[in-house]
Amino acid sequence: MIFSAVITEAEEGGYVAFNPDTGTTTQGETFDEAVANLRKATELYLEEFPMKGTRPAVLTCFEVSHAQAAGC
């Protein structure tokens, strides 16, 4: 099965990997490590919660022109 992955840089360093098809999320020090960890996490998830022939999520981009950063 083919799944989607969303990879972002983590503030503390490394990368966060998210699979929108299953909701699995993991991280890694490198991009490749994050993807490998996501693959393993998704495999473990599917062992417990099998899925039947679903289509991969659609990834698109959009722009927000007037966004302000929120303060803590």
N, C-alpha and C. Protein backbone atom coordinates (compact mmCIF):
# COMPACT_ATOMS: atom_id res chain seq x y z
N MET A 1 0.83 -1.18 0.00
CA MET A 1 0.00 0.00 0.00
C MET A 1 0.87 1.24 0.00
N ILE A 2 0.39 2.28 -0.63
CA ILE A 2 1.11 3.54 -0.67
C ILE A 2 0.38 4.52 0.24
N PHE A 3 1.15 5.21 1.09
CA PHE A 3 0.60 6.17 2.03
C PHE A 3 1.25 7.52 1.83
N SER A 4 0.59 8.54 2.32
CA SER A 4 1.11 9.91 2.26
C SER A 4 1.93 10.20 3.50
N ALA A 5 2.90 11.08 3.36
CA ALA A 5 3.70 11.51 4.50
C ALA A 5 3.88 13.02 4.44
N VAL A 6 3.72 13.66 5.58
CA VAL A 6 3.98 15.09 5.71
C VAL A 6 5.18 15.22 6.64
N ILE A 7 6.26 15.80 6.12
CA ILE A 7 7.50 15.92 6.88
C ILE A 7 7.76 17.40 7.13
N THR A 8 7.97 17.76 8.40
CA THR A 8 8.29 19.14 8.75
C THR A 8 9.52 19.16 9.64
N GLU A 9 10.23 20.28 9.62
CA GLU A 9 11.37 20.43 10.51
C GLU A 9 10.86 20.72 11.91
N ALA A 10 11.45 20.07 12.90
CA ALA A 10 11.09 20.29 14.30
C ALA A 10 11.86 21.49 14.84
N GLU A 11 11.22 22.28 15.70
CA GLU A 11 11.88 23.44 16.29
C GLU A 11 13.15 23.07 17.04
N GLU A 12 13.12 21.92 17.73
CA GLU A 12 14.27 21.49 18.52
C GLU A 12 15.32 20.76 17.70
N GLY A 13 15.11 20.68 16.39
CA GLY A 13 16.03 19.99 15.50
C GLY A 13 15.44 18.68 15.03
N GLY A 14 15.91 18.19 13.94
CA GLY A 14 15.39 16.96 13.37
C GLY A 14 14.10 17.22 12.61
N TYR A 15 13.33 16.14 12.39
CA TYR A 15 12.13 16.21 11.57
C TYR A 15 10.98 15.47 12.23
N VAL A 16 9.78 15.94 11.99
CA VAL A 16 8.55 15.28 12.43
C VAL A 16 7.88 14.72 11.18
N ALA A 17 7.45 13.47 11.25
CA ALA A 17 6.80 12.80 10.12
C ALA A 17 5.39 12.40 10.53
N PHE A 18 4.41 12.73 9.68
CA PHE A 18 3.00 12.48 9.96
C PHE A 18 2.36 11.78 8.77
N ASN A 19 1.60 10.74 9.06
CA ASN A 19 0.84 10.04 8.02
C ASN A 19 -0.64 10.36 8.21
N PRO A 20 -1.23 11.19 7.33
CA PRO A 20 -2.64 11.56 7.50
C PRO A 20 -3.61 10.40 7.27
N ASP A 21 -3.19 9.37 6.59
CA ASP A 21 -4.06 8.23 6.32
C ASP A 21 -4.37 7.43 7.58
N THR A 22 -3.38 7.32 8.47
CA THR A 22 -3.55 6.54 9.70
C THR A 22 -3.47 7.38 10.97
N GLY A 23 -2.92 8.58 10.85
CA GLY A 23 -2.72 9.43 12.02
C GLY A 23 -1.42 9.16 12.75
N THR A 24 -0.60 8.25 12.24
CA THR A 24 0.67 7.96 12.91
C THR A 24 1.62 9.14 12.75
N THR A 25 2.36 9.40 13.81
CA THR A 25 3.32 10.50 13.83
C THR A 25 4.57 10.02 14.53
N THR A 26 5.72 10.43 14.02
CA THR A 26 6.99 10.07 14.65
C THR A 26 8.01 11.14 14.30
N GLN A 27 9.25 10.90 14.64
CA GLN A 27 10.30 11.88 14.36
C GLN A 27 11.61 11.18 14.08
N GLY A 28 12.58 11.96 13.63
CA GLY A 28 13.92 11.43 13.38
C GLY A 28 14.92 12.57 13.31
N GLU A 29 16.16 12.27 13.52
CA GLU A 29 17.22 13.27 13.45
C GLU A 29 17.43 13.77 12.03
N THR A 30 17.23 12.89 11.04
CA THR A 30 17.37 13.26 9.63
C THR A 30 16.04 13.02 8.92
N PHE A 31 15.91 13.59 7.73
CA PHE A 31 14.71 13.38 6.92
C PHE A 31 14.49 11.89 6.68
N ASP A 32 15.55 11.21 6.25
CA ASP A 32 15.44 9.78 5.95
C ASP A 32 15.07 8.95 7.18
N GLU A 33 15.64 9.31 8.33
CA GLU A 33 15.32 8.59 9.57
C GLU A 33 13.85 8.82 9.95
N ALA A 34 13.36 10.04 9.77
CA ALA A 34 11.96 10.33 10.08
C ALA A 34 11.03 9.51 9.19
N VAL A 35 11.35 9.40 7.91
CA VAL A 35 10.52 8.61 7.00
C VAL A 35 10.59 7.13 7.37
N ALA A 36 11.78 6.63 7.68
CA ALA A 36 11.92 5.22 8.07
C ALA A 36 11.14 4.94 9.36
N ASN A 37 11.20 5.86 10.32
CA ASN A 37 10.45 5.69 11.56
C ASN A 37 8.95 5.73 11.32
N LEU A 38 8.52 6.59 10.39
CA LEU A 38 7.10 6.66 10.05
C LEU A 38 6.64 5.37 9.39
N ARG A 39 7.47 4.82 8.53
CA ARG A 39 7.13 3.55 7.88
C ARG A 39 6.92 2.46 8.93
N LYS A 40 7.85 2.37 9.89
CA LYS A 40 7.75 1.36 10.94
C LYS A 40 6.53 1.61 11.83
N ALA A 41 6.30 2.85 12.22
CA ALA A 41 5.14 3.18 13.05
C ALA A 41 3.83 2.85 12.33
N THR A 42 3.79 3.12 11.04
CA THR A 42 2.58 2.83 10.26
C THR A 42 2.38 1.32 10.12
N GLU A 43 3.46 0.58 9.92
CA GLU A 43 3.36 -0.89 9.86
C GLU A 43 2.80 -1.45 11.16
N LEU A 44 3.31 -0.95 12.29
CA LEU A 44 2.83 -1.40 13.60
C LEU A 44 1.36 -1.04 13.80
N TYR A 45 0.98 0.15 13.38
CA TYR A 45 -0.41 0.58 13.47
C TYR A 45 -1.31 -0.35 12.66
N LEU A 46 -0.88 -0.66 11.43
CA LEU A 46 -1.70 -1.50 10.54
C LEU A 46 -1.81 -2.94 11.03
N GLU A 47 -0.83 -3.41 11.80
CA GLU A 47 -0.94 -4.75 12.40
C GLU A 47 -2.11 -4.80 13.37
N GLU A 48 -2.33 -3.71 14.08
CA GLU A 48 -3.40 -3.63 15.06
C GLU A 48 -4.74 -3.19 14.45
N PHE A 49 -4.65 -2.29 13.47
CA PHE A 49 -5.85 -1.73 12.85
C PHE A 49 -5.75 -1.83 11.32
N PRO A 50 -6.00 -3.00 10.76
CA PRO A 50 -5.86 -3.18 9.30
C PRO A 50 -6.79 -2.25 8.53
N MET A 51 -6.31 -1.80 7.38
CA MET A 51 -7.11 -0.95 6.49
C MET A 51 -7.34 -1.71 5.20
N LYS A 52 -8.46 -1.45 4.58
CA LYS A 52 -8.76 -2.07 3.31
C LYS A 52 -8.62 -1.05 2.20
N GLY A 53 -7.76 -1.32 1.24
CA GLY A 53 -7.58 -0.55 0.02
C GLY A 53 -8.06 0.89 0.00
N THR A 54 -7.56 1.71 0.89
CA THR A 54 -7.93 3.11 0.86
C THR A 54 -7.01 3.88 -0.07
N ARG A 55 -7.50 4.99 -0.56
CA ARG A 55 -6.67 5.84 -1.42
C ARG A 55 -5.81 6.75 -0.56
N PRO A 56 -4.62 7.09 -1.05
CA PRO A 56 -3.77 8.02 -0.30
C PRO A 56 -4.45 9.39 -0.19
N ALA A 57 -4.13 10.10 0.87
CA ALA A 57 -4.65 11.45 1.04
C ALA A 57 -4.10 12.35 -0.07
N VAL A 58 -4.83 13.39 -0.40
CA VAL A 58 -4.40 14.35 -1.40
C VAL A 58 -3.71 15.49 -0.67
N LEU A 59 -2.50 15.81 -1.09
CA LEU A 59 -1.75 16.90 -0.49
C LEU A 59 -1.74 18.08 -1.46
N THR A 60 -2.11 19.23 -0.97
CA THR A 60 -2.09 20.44 -1.77
C THR A 60 -1.52 21.56 -0.93
N CYS A 61 -1.25 22.68 -1.54
CA CYS A 61 -0.70 23.84 -0.84
C CYS A 61 -1.66 25.02 -0.99
N PHE A 62 -1.64 25.91 -0.02
CA PHE A 62 -2.39 27.15 -0.11
C PHE A 62 -1.63 28.24 0.62
N GLU A 63 -1.93 29.48 0.27
CA GLU A 63 -1.23 30.62 0.85
C GLU A 63 -2.20 31.43 1.70
N VAL A 64 -1.71 31.92 2.82
CA VAL A 64 -2.47 32.82 3.68
C VAL A 64 -1.69 34.13 3.68
N SER A 65 -2.30 35.19 3.17
CA SER A 65 -1.56 36.42 2.97
C SER A 65 -1.50 37.34 4.20
N HIS A 66 -2.42 37.21 5.14
CA HIS A 66 -2.46 38.16 6.26
C HIS A 66 -2.37 37.44 7.61
N ALA A 67 -1.58 36.42 7.69
CA ALA A 67 -1.45 35.68 8.95
C ALA A 67 -0.45 36.37 9.86
N GLN A 68 -0.75 36.37 11.15
CA GLN A 68 0.17 36.91 12.13
C GLN A 68 0.61 35.78 13.05
N ALA A 69 1.85 35.83 13.47
CA ALA A 69 2.35 34.82 14.39
C ALA A 69 1.74 35.06 15.76
N ALA A 70 1.29 33.99 16.39
CA ALA A 70 0.69 34.09 17.72
C ALA A 70 1.79 34.08 18.77
N GLY A 71 1.65 34.91 19.76
CA GLY A 71 2.62 34.95 20.86
C GLY A 71 2.24 33.96 21.93
N CYS A 72 3.22 33.54 22.73
CA CYS A 72 2.95 32.60 23.83
C CYS A 72 2.68 33.35 25.11
